[in-house]
Amino acid sequence: MTPADATTKPAEPASTDASAPAAPRDRAQRLRDTRAKLESEVDLWVATADPSGGGPHLIPLSCHWDGSTFLISTPRTSVTSRNLLADHRARLSLGPTRDVVIVDATAEPVDLDELGSEAADAFAARTGFDPRTLDTPYQYFRLRPHRIQAWREADELPGRTLMRDGNWLD
């Protein structure tokens, strides 16, 4: 660098590095961020398992969060649907690996006539996908969270559980 460059180009402070991890969030901030993510995300990963000893199954699906449950829909004959009908346990994941929300939930199958047009319309509006318009029969599921965890980096692993037994840990 020449002397002229030194006077015209200030040095970049080390703190502007976009790859530097953010400071750990306190519980209140983490709860706000998690609730905002649940409200804003449309897609999530759904993990299920075959209760007869088959392996795990992971698939991306669209969802509608109503403030207390997720609503998903998948073809009635799909692996995910069969697994959830046989074993109601599911694990969901939202967000990137450095800002993840993990949800352990219980799946409740809901037939279209039980679901009602208001919930089906809300799902279609939120996801841009309406299974009611397809020839293939789809199964809706309400996924009721019983545990929610959220973290960004290893320094947020302590205190990552934000919901336990279906109750937020405010």
Protein backbone atom coordinates (compact mmCIF):
# COMPACT_ATOMS: atom_id res chain seq x y z
CA MET A 1 0.00 0.00 0.00
CA THR A 2 1.31 3.44 -0.88
CA PRO A 3 1.21 6.41 1.52
CA ALA A 4 -1.60 7.91 -0.59
CA ASP A 5 -3.68 4.72 -0.18
CA ALA A 6 -3.26 4.88 3.58
CA THR A 7 -4.90 8.31 3.70
CA THR A 8 -7.84 7.48 1.39
CA LYS A 9 -8.79 3.95 2.46
CA PRO A 10 -9.58 3.46 6.14
CA ALA A 11 -8.96 0.02 7.54
CA GLU A 12 -12.00 -2.21 7.91
CA PRO A 13 -12.75 -2.98 11.55
CA ALA A 14 -12.63 -6.68 12.39
CA SER A 15 -16.22 -6.62 13.67
CA THR A 16 -17.68 -6.14 10.17
CA ASP A 17 -16.86 -9.73 9.20
CA ALA A 18 -20.25 -11.14 8.15
CA SER A 19 -19.09 -14.67 8.98
CA ALA A 20 -18.45 -13.82 12.64
CA PRO A 21 -21.08 -15.47 14.86
CA ALA A 22 -23.57 -13.23 16.62
CA ALA A 23 -23.55 -13.05 20.39
CA PRO A 24 -25.72 -15.69 22.07
CA ARG A 25 -29.36 -14.62 22.45
CA ASP A 26 -31.08 -14.58 25.80
CA ARG A 27 -34.24 -16.68 26.24
CA ALA A 28 -36.63 -13.77 25.59
CA GLN A 29 -34.94 -12.91 22.29
CA ARG A 30 -34.73 -16.56 21.27
CA LEU A 31 -38.47 -16.99 21.98
CA ARG A 32 -39.29 -13.90 19.88
CA ASP A 33 -37.08 -15.12 17.02
CA THR A 34 -38.53 -18.63 17.15
CA ARG A 35 -42.13 -17.45 17.19
CA ALA A 36 -41.37 -15.13 14.25
CA LYS A 37 -39.82 -18.04 12.34
CA LEU A 38 -42.86 -20.24 13.01
CA GLU A 39 -45.11 -17.44 11.69
CA SER A 40 -43.01 -16.69 8.60
CA GLU A 41 -41.73 -20.06 7.35
CA VAL A 42 -43.84 -21.94 4.81
CA ASP A 43 -41.63 -25.00 4.32
CA LEU A 44 -40.08 -27.39 6.79
CA TRP A 45 -38.44 -30.81 6.94
CA VAL A 46 -40.55 -33.65 8.34
CA ALA A 47 -38.82 -36.74 9.72
CA THR A 48 -40.79 -39.92 10.43
CA ALA A 49 -39.94 -43.56 10.96
CA ASP A 50 -41.54 -46.85 10.06
CA PRO A 51 -42.61 -48.41 13.37
CA SER A 52 -42.14 -51.92 11.99
CA GLY A 53 -38.39 -51.46 11.94
CA GLY A 54 -37.91 -49.60 8.69
CA GLY A 55 -35.53 -46.71 8.51
CA PRO A 56 -36.11 -43.03 9.04
CA HIS A 57 -37.74 -40.97 6.31
CA LEU A 58 -37.13 -37.25 5.72
CA ILE A 59 -39.07 -35.03 3.32
CA PRO A 60 -39.65 -31.30 2.77
CA LEU A 61 -43.29 -30.21 3.03
CA SER A 62 -45.21 -26.96 3.11
CA CYS A 63 -47.05 -26.09 6.30
CA HIS A 64 -49.44 -23.68 7.92
CA TRP A 65 -48.73 -22.65 11.54
CA ASP A 66 -51.90 -21.47 13.30
CA GLY A 67 -50.19 -20.38 16.51
CA SER A 68 -50.38 -23.75 18.23
CA THR A 69 -50.17 -26.50 15.58
CA PHE A 70 -48.70 -27.11 12.14
CA LEU A 71 -50.99 -28.28 9.37
CA ILE A 72 -49.37 -30.38 6.61
CA SER A 73 -50.73 -32.47 3.77
CA THR A 74 -49.14 -35.31 1.85
CA PRO A 75 -50.42 -38.03 -0.51
CA ARG A 76 -52.34 -40.62 1.50
CA THR A 77 -50.16 -43.44 0.09
CA SER A 78 -46.81 -41.67 0.71
CA VAL A 79 -44.20 -43.05 3.10
CA THR A 80 -44.67 -40.00 5.33
CA SER A 81 -48.43 -40.50 5.52
CA ARG A 82 -48.14 -44.22 6.21
CA ASN A 83 -45.54 -43.61 8.93
CA LEU A 84 -47.61 -40.90 10.62
CA LEU A 85 -50.76 -43.01 10.51
CA ALA A 86 -48.93 -45.93 12.13
CA ASP A 87 -46.72 -43.99 14.57
CA HIS A 88 -47.81 -40.45 15.33
CA ARG A 89 -44.33 -39.16 16.17
CA ALA A 90 -42.64 -36.59 13.93
CA ARG A 91 -39.61 -34.35 14.13
CA LEU A 92 -39.68 -31.08 12.21
CA SER A 93 -36.87 -28.74 11.29
CA LEU A 94 -37.13 -25.13 10.15
CA GLY A 95 -34.42 -22.74 9.09
CA PRO A 96 -30.77 -23.10 8.16
CA THR A 97 -28.31 -25.09 10.24
CA ARG A 98 -26.96 -21.94 11.93
CA ASP A 99 -30.40 -20.73 12.98
CA VAL A 100 -32.39 -23.91 13.41
CA VAL A 101 -35.69 -24.69 15.10
CA ILE A 102 -36.31 -28.36 15.91
CA VAL A 103 -39.83 -29.46 16.84
CA ASP A 104 -40.87 -32.81 18.30
CA ALA A 105 -44.56 -33.23 17.57
CA THR A 106 -47.46 -35.63 17.67
CA ALA A 107 -49.37 -36.05 14.40
CA GLU A 108 -53.14 -36.23 14.35
CA PRO A 109 -54.67 -37.33 11.02
CA VAL A 110 -57.50 -35.03 9.92
CA ASP A 111 -59.91 -35.93 7.16
CA LEU A 112 -60.98 -33.11 4.87
CA ASP A 113 -64.57 -33.03 6.16
CA GLU A 114 -63.27 -32.79 9.76
CA LEU A 115 -60.73 -30.14 8.79
CA GLY A 116 -63.32 -27.70 7.50
CA SER A 117 -63.06 -25.24 4.67
CA GLU A 118 -61.63 -22.42 6.82
CA ALA A 119 -58.52 -24.40 7.81
CA ALA A 120 -58.13 -25.92 4.32
CA ASP A 121 -58.44 -22.45 2.77
CA ALA A 122 -55.86 -21.04 5.23
CA PHE A 123 -53.46 -23.88 4.34
CA ALA A 124 -53.92 -23.26 0.60
CA ALA A 125 -53.50 -19.49 0.96
CA ARG A 126 -50.39 -19.83 3.13
CA THR A 127 -48.62 -22.49 1.08
CA GLY A 128 -49.84 -21.73 -2.44
CA PHE A 129 -50.83 -25.40 -2.68
CA ASP A 130 -54.36 -26.80 -2.46
CA PRO A 131 -54.51 -30.61 -2.26
CA ARG A 132 -58.30 -30.46 -2.63
CA THR A 133 -57.85 -29.63 -6.32
CA LEU A 134 -55.83 -32.78 -7.11
CA ASP A 135 -56.97 -36.20 -8.27
CA THR A 136 -54.55 -37.92 -5.89
CA PRO A 137 -56.07 -38.33 -2.39
CA TYR A 138 -54.15 -36.32 0.22
CA GLN A 139 -54.10 -36.75 3.97
CA TYR A 140 -53.95 -33.73 6.27
CA PHE A 141 -52.15 -33.93 9.61
CA ARG A 142 -52.12 -31.54 12.53
CA LEU A 143 -48.72 -31.67 14.17
CA ARG A 144 -48.95 -30.65 17.81
CA PRO A 145 -45.56 -29.63 19.24
CA HIS A 146 -44.55 -30.95 22.62
CA ARG A 147 -40.91 -29.82 22.50
CA ILE A 148 -39.32 -26.95 20.59
CA GLN A 149 -35.61 -26.20 20.59
CA ALA A 150 -33.74 -23.38 18.84
CA TRP A 151 -30.09 -22.43 18.53
CA ARG A 152 -27.59 -20.82 16.20
CA GLU A 153 -24.17 -21.91 17.42
CA ALA A 154 -22.72 -24.13 20.15
CA ASP A 155 -22.86 -21.19 22.59
CA GLU A 156 -26.67 -21.34 22.37
CA LEU A 157 -26.97 -25.06 23.12
CA PRO A 158 -27.50 -24.42 26.84
CA GLY A 159 -31.08 -23.21 27.16
CA ARG A 160 -32.07 -24.34 23.66
CA THR A 161 -35.34 -25.89 24.87
CA LEU A 162 -38.09 -23.27 24.51
CA MET A 163 -41.13 -25.56 24.82
CA ARG A 164 -41.51 -28.62 27.02
CA ASP A 165 -44.61 -30.83 27.30
CA GLY A 166 -46.45 -28.46 24.96
CA ASN A 167 -45.84 -25.39 27.14
CA TRP A 168 -43.66 -22.43 26.22
CA LEU A 169 -40.93 -21.79 28.79
CA ASP A 170 -41.40 -18.03 29.05
